[in-house]
Amino acid sequence: MLPAIRRPGLFDISRLFLVGIIWGGAFLFISLALTDFGPVSIAAWRVLMGAAVLTLIAFLAGSRFPNSARHWGYIFIVGALNSAVPFFLISWGQQFISSAESALLMAMGTFCALIVSHFTSVDERINTPRAIGVGVGFIGVLVLVFWEMMESGMGGLMGQIAVMTAGCSYAVSTVIVRRITHLPSLSTSAGTMLSASLYMVPLAFLLENPLPRQASLLSIGSLGYLGIIATALAITVRFTIIRANGAVFMAQVGYLVPLFGVLWSGLYFADAINLQTVLSLGLILAGIAITRRGS
């Protein structure tokens, strides 16, 4: 039996910030990996390395894998919607937009999750604060979209749509995840990565060259960060936070990912933070805060 969740302390808050920092940095490292690897190859390497590390962690923790064909069917769907599809779409979209912009647009998934939950559950209905929060956050997204259209034309718009679709793919996957929440989290997470690898690795060899001869150490190191740190390690820490402090506390990472995504990009790219980025970040964080008040 799992222990009862406890009130978050300083250590727990530090772990939450760690996940936010790690996931926020993923957008920067995707940009760096795109120098030598295509978007399909980045997604393939990410799920493959994540699957290897998570499987090892699950084995060492004694976490049993599901033995039901029905459960594995759900796992394969989650592997596509929660890993394969969004990993590819984010990498593809970042060929046209900045890592800071991608981090902000991923917040669309938070608002999309509220809309999906309203129609698929009885305990996550949209109320007045949530509706206001979605509206405020959506305005923050529109600030980026229209600003990018004015500066870069339709090319930037396609990248934005890809990243926002990735965020909504995460949201849709939560509907399926609810059907397997009774399964061990570590082995289930490893299973989703293994199933995503079955999709993405063959596609990478079919459509791109996932093993380029001239790849730089920076690009290879970026792939390592994405697969081992941003996927396997972050999911493991997420699992321990949910077990210790509950899913509601873990959901607060939604505030931190766009914030740290912008900060990571600002540290590496001198022009990553500008007026529209700050305005959009403020509106998105305000929207998330308002929706949380309605929870």
Protein backbone atom coordinates (compact mmCIF):
# COMPACT_ATOMS: atom_id res chain seq x y z
CA MET A 1 0.00 0.00 0.00
CA LEU A 2 1.28 3.46 -0.89
CA PRO A 3 1.92 5.84 2.01
CA ALA A 4 -0.43 8.79 2.51
CA ILE A 5 0.65 11.97 0.79
CA ARG A 6 2.27 14.59 2.99
CA ARG A 7 2.20 18.36 3.10
CA PRO A 8 4.97 19.65 0.78
CA GLY A 9 8.09 20.88 2.52
CA LEU A 10 11.15 22.73 1.28
CA PHE A 11 12.65 19.52 -0.12
CA ASP A 12 9.46 18.72 -2.03
CA ILE A 13 9.24 22.24 -3.45
CA SER A 14 12.89 21.95 -4.50
CA ARG A 15 12.12 18.74 -6.39
CA LEU A 16 9.19 20.42 -8.14
CA PHE A 17 11.46 23.28 -9.21
CA LEU A 18 13.99 20.70 -10.43
CA VAL A 19 11.41 19.15 -12.76
CA GLY A 20 10.39 22.62 -13.99
CA ILE A 21 14.02 23.53 -14.67
CA ILE A 22 14.65 20.24 -16.51
CA TRP A 23 11.53 20.38 -18.66
CA GLY A 24 12.01 24.09 -19.31
CA GLY A 25 15.51 23.38 -20.61
CA ALA A 26 14.29 20.73 -23.06
CA PHE A 27 13.26 23.39 -25.61
CA LEU A 28 16.75 24.88 -25.71
CA PHE A 29 18.38 21.47 -26.18
CA ILE A 30 15.95 20.59 -28.97
CA SER A 31 17.13 23.73 -30.79
CA LEU A 32 20.76 22.66 -30.32
CA ALA A 33 20.10 19.07 -31.45
CA LEU A 34 18.37 20.31 -34.63
CA THR A 35 21.79 21.47 -35.86
CA ASP A 36 22.69 17.88 -36.85
CA PHE A 37 19.56 15.77 -36.35
CA GLY A 38 16.11 15.91 -37.96
CA PRO A 39 12.93 16.19 -35.89
CA VAL A 40 11.98 12.51 -36.34
CA SER A 41 15.48 11.40 -35.29
CA ILE A 42 15.38 13.63 -32.19
CA ALA A 43 12.03 12.15 -31.15
CA ALA A 44 13.31 8.61 -31.82
CA TRP A 45 16.49 9.03 -29.80
CA ARG A 46 14.57 10.69 -26.99
CA VAL A 47 12.05 7.86 -26.55
CA LEU A 48 14.68 5.17 -27.09
CA MET A 49 17.04 6.49 -24.41
CA GLY A 50 14.13 7.26 -22.11
CA ALA A 51 12.81 3.71 -22.54
CA ALA A 52 16.21 2.16 -21.76
CA VAL A 53 16.78 4.18 -18.58
CA LEU A 54 13.18 3.90 -17.33
CA THR A 55 13.14 0.13 -17.92
CA LEU A 56 16.33 -0.21 -15.89
CA ILE A 57 14.92 1.96 -13.08
CA ALA A 58 11.64 -0.01 -13.07
CA PHE A 59 13.57 -3.30 -12.92
CA LEU A 60 15.77 -2.12 -10.02
CA ALA A 61 12.68 -0.83 -8.17
CA GLY A 62 10.92 -4.18 -8.63
CA SER A 63 8.04 -2.59 -10.55
CA ARG A 64 6.06 -5.19 -12.49
CA PHE A 65 5.04 -4.62 -16.10
CA PRO A 66 1.35 -5.06 -17.05
CA ASN A 67 0.38 -8.53 -18.30
CA SER A 68 -2.98 -7.63 -19.85
CA ALA A 69 -3.37 -7.12 -23.62
CA ARG A 70 -6.04 -4.49 -22.88
CA HIS A 71 -3.65 -2.53 -20.67
CA TRP A 72 -0.91 -2.72 -23.29
CA GLY A 73 -3.37 -1.40 -25.86
CA TYR A 74 -3.87 1.69 -23.70
CA ILE A 75 -0.11 1.96 -23.17
CA PHE A 76 0.52 1.96 -26.92
CA ILE A 77 -2.02 4.76 -27.40
CA VAL A 78 -0.49 6.77 -24.56
CA GLY A 79 2.97 6.13 -26.00
CA ALA A 80 1.85 7.75 -29.25
CA LEU A 81 -0.08 10.70 -27.79
CA ASN A 82 2.16 11.42 -24.80
CA SER A 83 5.59 10.78 -26.32
CA ALA A 84 5.95 9.98 -30.02
CA VAL A 85 3.61 12.62 -31.47
CA PRO A 86 4.47 15.59 -29.19
CA PHE A 87 8.22 14.89 -29.22
CA PHE A 88 8.19 14.96 -33.01
CA LEU A 89 5.88 17.99 -33.33
CA ILE A 90 7.91 20.10 -30.88
CA SER A 91 11.15 19.26 -32.69
CA TRP A 92 9.60 19.95 -36.09
CA GLY A 93 8.03 23.22 -34.92
CA GLN A 94 11.28 24.49 -33.46
CA GLN A 95 12.80 24.51 -36.94
CA PHE A 96 10.70 27.66 -37.47
CA ILE A 97 10.31 29.27 -34.03
CA SER A 98 12.55 29.91 -31.03
CA SER A 99 12.90 27.67 -27.99
CA ALA A 100 11.48 30.42 -25.75
CA GLU A 101 8.40 30.70 -27.95
CA SER A 102 7.96 26.92 -27.93
CA ALA A 103 8.09 26.83 -24.13
CA LEU A 104 5.35 29.44 -23.93
CA LEU A 105 3.13 27.87 -26.58
CA MET A 106 3.29 24.51 -24.80
CA ALA A 107 1.18 26.13 -22.10
CA MET A 108 -1.68 25.71 -24.58
CA GLY A 109 -1.73 22.10 -23.41
CA THR A 110 -2.72 23.24 -19.90
CA PHE A 111 -5.77 25.03 -21.24
CA CYS A 112 -6.57 22.27 -23.73
CA ALA A 113 -6.53 19.78 -20.83
CA LEU A 114 -9.24 21.78 -19.06
CA ILE A 115 -11.44 21.69 -22.15
CA VAL A 116 -10.88 17.95 -22.70
CA SER A 117 -11.56 17.19 -19.02
CA HIS A 118 -14.80 19.17 -19.13
CA PHE A 119 -16.26 16.80 -21.73
CA THR A 120 -14.71 13.55 -20.48
CA SER A 121 -15.05 13.72 -16.69
CA VAL A 122 -17.54 14.64 -14.01
CA ASP A 123 -15.07 16.17 -11.54
CA GLU A 124 -13.10 18.55 -13.80
CA ARG A 125 -15.85 20.76 -15.24
CA ILE A 126 -15.10 24.28 -16.47
CA ASN A 127 -16.37 26.90 -14.00
CA THR A 128 -16.16 30.69 -14.06
CA PRO A 129 -12.54 31.02 -12.78
CA ARG A 130 -11.37 28.32 -15.18
CA ALA A 131 -13.14 29.94 -18.11
CA ILE A 132 -11.55 33.31 -17.28
CA GLY A 133 -8.15 31.66 -16.84
CA VAL A 134 -8.39 29.89 -20.21
CA GLY A 135 -9.36 33.21 -21.83
CA VAL A 136 -6.46 35.13 -20.28
CA GLY A 137 -3.97 32.40 -21.16
CA PHE A 138 -5.29 32.15 -24.70
CA ILE A 139 -4.78 35.89 -25.13
CA GLY A 140 -1.17 35.35 -24.08
CA VAL A 141 -0.82 32.68 -26.77
CA LEU A 142 -2.40 34.96 -29.38
CA VAL A 143 0.15 37.67 -28.56
CA LEU A 144 2.90 35.30 -29.68
CA VAL A 145 1.01 33.95 -32.69
CA PHE A 146 0.12 37.30 -34.25
CA TRP A 147 3.52 38.84 -33.44
CA GLU A 148 5.25 35.90 -35.15
CA MET A 149 2.94 36.18 -38.16
CA MET A 150 3.84 39.84 -38.56
CA GLU A 151 7.59 39.14 -38.31
CA SER A 152 8.03 35.73 -39.99
CA GLY A 153 4.90 35.08 -42.05
CA MET A 154 3.22 31.70 -42.42
CA GLY A 155 6.38 29.67 -41.83
CA GLY A 156 6.46 30.68 -38.21
CA LEU A 157 2.72 30.05 -37.91
CA MET A 158 3.12 26.43 -38.99
CA GLY A 159 5.77 25.92 -36.32
CA GLN A 160 3.49 27.47 -33.72
CA ILE A 161 0.58 25.25 -34.73
CA ALA A 162 2.82 22.17 -34.46
CA VAL A 163 3.94 23.05 -30.92
CA MET A 164 0.41 23.91 -29.78
CA THR A 165 -0.84 20.63 -31.25
CA ALA A 166 1.86 18.85 -29.25
CA GLY A 167 0.58 20.47 -26.07
CA CYS A 168 -2.97 19.39 -26.87
CA SER A 169 -1.72 15.87 -27.64
CA TYR A 170 -0.44 15.67 -24.06
CA ALA A 171 -3.87 16.82 -22.88
CA VAL A 172 -5.77 14.22 -24.91
CA SER A 173 -3.47 11.48 -23.62
CA THR A 174 -4.64 12.20 -20.05
CA VAL A 175 -8.05 10.76 -20.98
CA ILE A 176 -6.37 7.42 -21.74
CA VAL A 177 -3.95 7.66 -18.81
CA ARG A 178 -6.92 7.69 -16.42
CA ARG A 179 -7.72 4.14 -17.53
CA ILE A 180 -4.32 2.83 -16.39
CA THR A 181 -3.67 4.91 -13.25
CA HIS A 182 -4.03 1.76 -11.13
CA LEU A 183 -0.93 0.25 -12.76
CA PRO A 184 2.62 0.79 -11.38
CA SER A 185 3.72 4.23 -12.57
CA LEU A 186 7.38 3.45 -13.28
CA SER A 187 6.83 0.33 -15.37
CA THR A 188 3.88 1.93 -17.15
CA SER A 189 6.01 4.97 -18.04
CA ALA A 190 8.74 2.64 -19.31
CA GLY A 191 6.12 0.77 -21.34
CA THR A 192 4.87 3.95 -23.00
CA MET A 193 8.43 4.85 -24.01
CA LEU A 194 9.07 1.34 -25.33
CA SER A 195 5.91 1.49 -27.43
CA ALA A 196 6.81 4.96 -28.72
CA SER A 197 10.21 3.58 -29.74
CA LEU A 198 8.46 1.01 -31.94
CA TYR A 199 6.84 3.90 -33.82
CA MET A 200 9.66 6.40 -34.01
CA VAL A 201 12.89 4.41 -34.50
CA PRO A 202 11.80 2.75 -37.79
CA LEU A 203 10.42 6.10 -39.01
CA ALA A 204 13.72 7.81 -38.23
CA PHE A 205 15.67 5.33 -40.39
CA LEU A 206 13.01 5.49 -43.12
CA LEU A 207 12.70 9.28 -43.34
CA GLU A 208 16.02 10.64 -42.01
CA ASN A 209 19.52 9.64 -40.99
CA PRO A 210 19.51 9.21 -37.19
CA LEU A 211 23.24 8.33 -37.23
CA PRO A 212 24.96 11.24 -39.02
CA ARG A 213 28.74 10.94 -39.30
CA GLN A 214 29.45 14.63 -38.76
CA ALA A 215 27.29 15.21 -35.66
CA SER A 216 28.90 17.55 -33.14
CA LEU A 217 29.40 16.74 -29.48
CA LEU A 218 26.98 19.55 -28.64
CA SER A 219 24.19 17.96 -30.68
CA ILE A 220 24.90 14.49 -29.29
CA GLY A 221 25.03 15.86 -25.75
CA SER A 222 21.72 17.65 -26.34
CA LEU A 223 20.14 14.33 -27.35
CA GLY A 224 21.52 12.79 -24.16
CA TYR A 225 19.94 15.55 -22.10
CA LEU A 226 16.58 15.10 -23.83
CA GLY A 227 16.49 11.32 -23.48
CA ILE A 228 18.15 10.73 -20.11
CA ILE A 229 17.53 13.93 -18.14
CA ALA A 230 14.38 15.52 -19.59
CA THR A 231 12.60 12.21 -20.15
CA ALA A 232 13.82 9.39 -17.89
CA LEU A 233 15.07 11.36 -14.88
CA ALA A 234 12.27 13.93 -14.91
CA ILE A 235 9.58 11.23 -15.16
CA THR A 236 11.16 9.34 -12.25
CA VAL A 237 11.25 12.48 -10.09
CA ARG A 238 7.66 13.25 -11.15
CA PHE A 239 6.64 9.77 -9.99
CA THR A 240 8.22 10.27 -6.57
CA ILE A 241 6.60 13.71 -6.17
CA ILE A 242 3.14 12.38 -7.02
CA ARG A 243 3.64 9.48 -4.61
CA ALA A 244 4.80 11.76 -1.79
CA ASN A 245 2.73 14.91 -2.33
CA GLY A 246 -0.06 14.07 -4.78
CA ALA A 247 -0.94 14.94 -8.37
CA VAL A 248 -2.38 18.37 -7.52
CA PHE A 249 0.96 19.55 -6.14
CA MET A 250 2.77 18.10 -9.15
CA ALA A 251 0.43 20.02 -11.48
CA GLN A 252 1.98 23.26 -10.26
CA VAL A 253 4.94 22.51 -12.54
CA GLY A 254 2.74 24.04 -15.25
CA TYR A 255 3.75 27.45 -13.86
CA LEU A 256 7.43 26.64 -13.99
CA VAL A 257 7.97 25.09 -17.43
CA PRO A 258 7.21 28.22 -19.52
CA LEU A 259 9.06 30.40 -17.01
CA PHE A 260 12.25 28.32 -17.03
CA GLY A 261 11.91 27.68 -20.76
CA VAL A 262 12.20 31.43 -21.35
CA LEU A 263 15.05 31.77 -18.84
CA TRP A 264 17.07 28.91 -20.39
CA SER A 265 16.67 30.47 -23.84
CA GLY A 266 17.56 33.91 -22.51
CA LEU A 267 20.80 32.58 -21.02
CA TYR A 268 21.90 31.04 -24.33
CA PHE A 269 20.32 33.26 -26.99
CA ALA A 270 20.81 36.98 -26.45
CA ASP A 271 17.62 37.95 -28.32
CA ALA A 272 15.34 35.28 -26.82
CA ILE A 273 13.60 37.62 -24.37
CA ASN A 274 11.76 40.62 -25.83
CA LEU A 275 8.60 42.61 -25.18
CA GLN A 276 6.16 40.09 -26.66
CA THR A 277 7.83 37.22 -24.78
CA VAL A 278 7.52 38.98 -21.41
CA LEU A 279 3.92 40.04 -22.11
CA SER A 280 2.91 36.57 -23.27
CA LEU A 281 4.64 34.91 -20.30
CA GLY A 282 2.81 37.18 -17.86
CA LEU A 283 -0.60 36.49 -19.44
CA ILE A 284 -0.04 32.73 -19.62
CA LEU A 285 1.12 32.46 -16.00
CA ALA A 286 -1.82 34.62 -14.91
CA GLY A 287 -4.19 32.39 -16.85
CA ILE A 288 -2.78 29.24 -15.27
CA ALA A 289 -3.02 30.85 -11.81
CA ILE A 290 -6.68 31.77 -12.35
CA THR A 291 -7.57 28.27 -13.56
CA ARG A 292 -5.89 26.79 -10.48
CA ARG A 293 -8.12 28.93 -8.27
CA GLY A 294 -11.08 27.27 -9.93
CA SER A 295 -9.81 23.77 -9.11
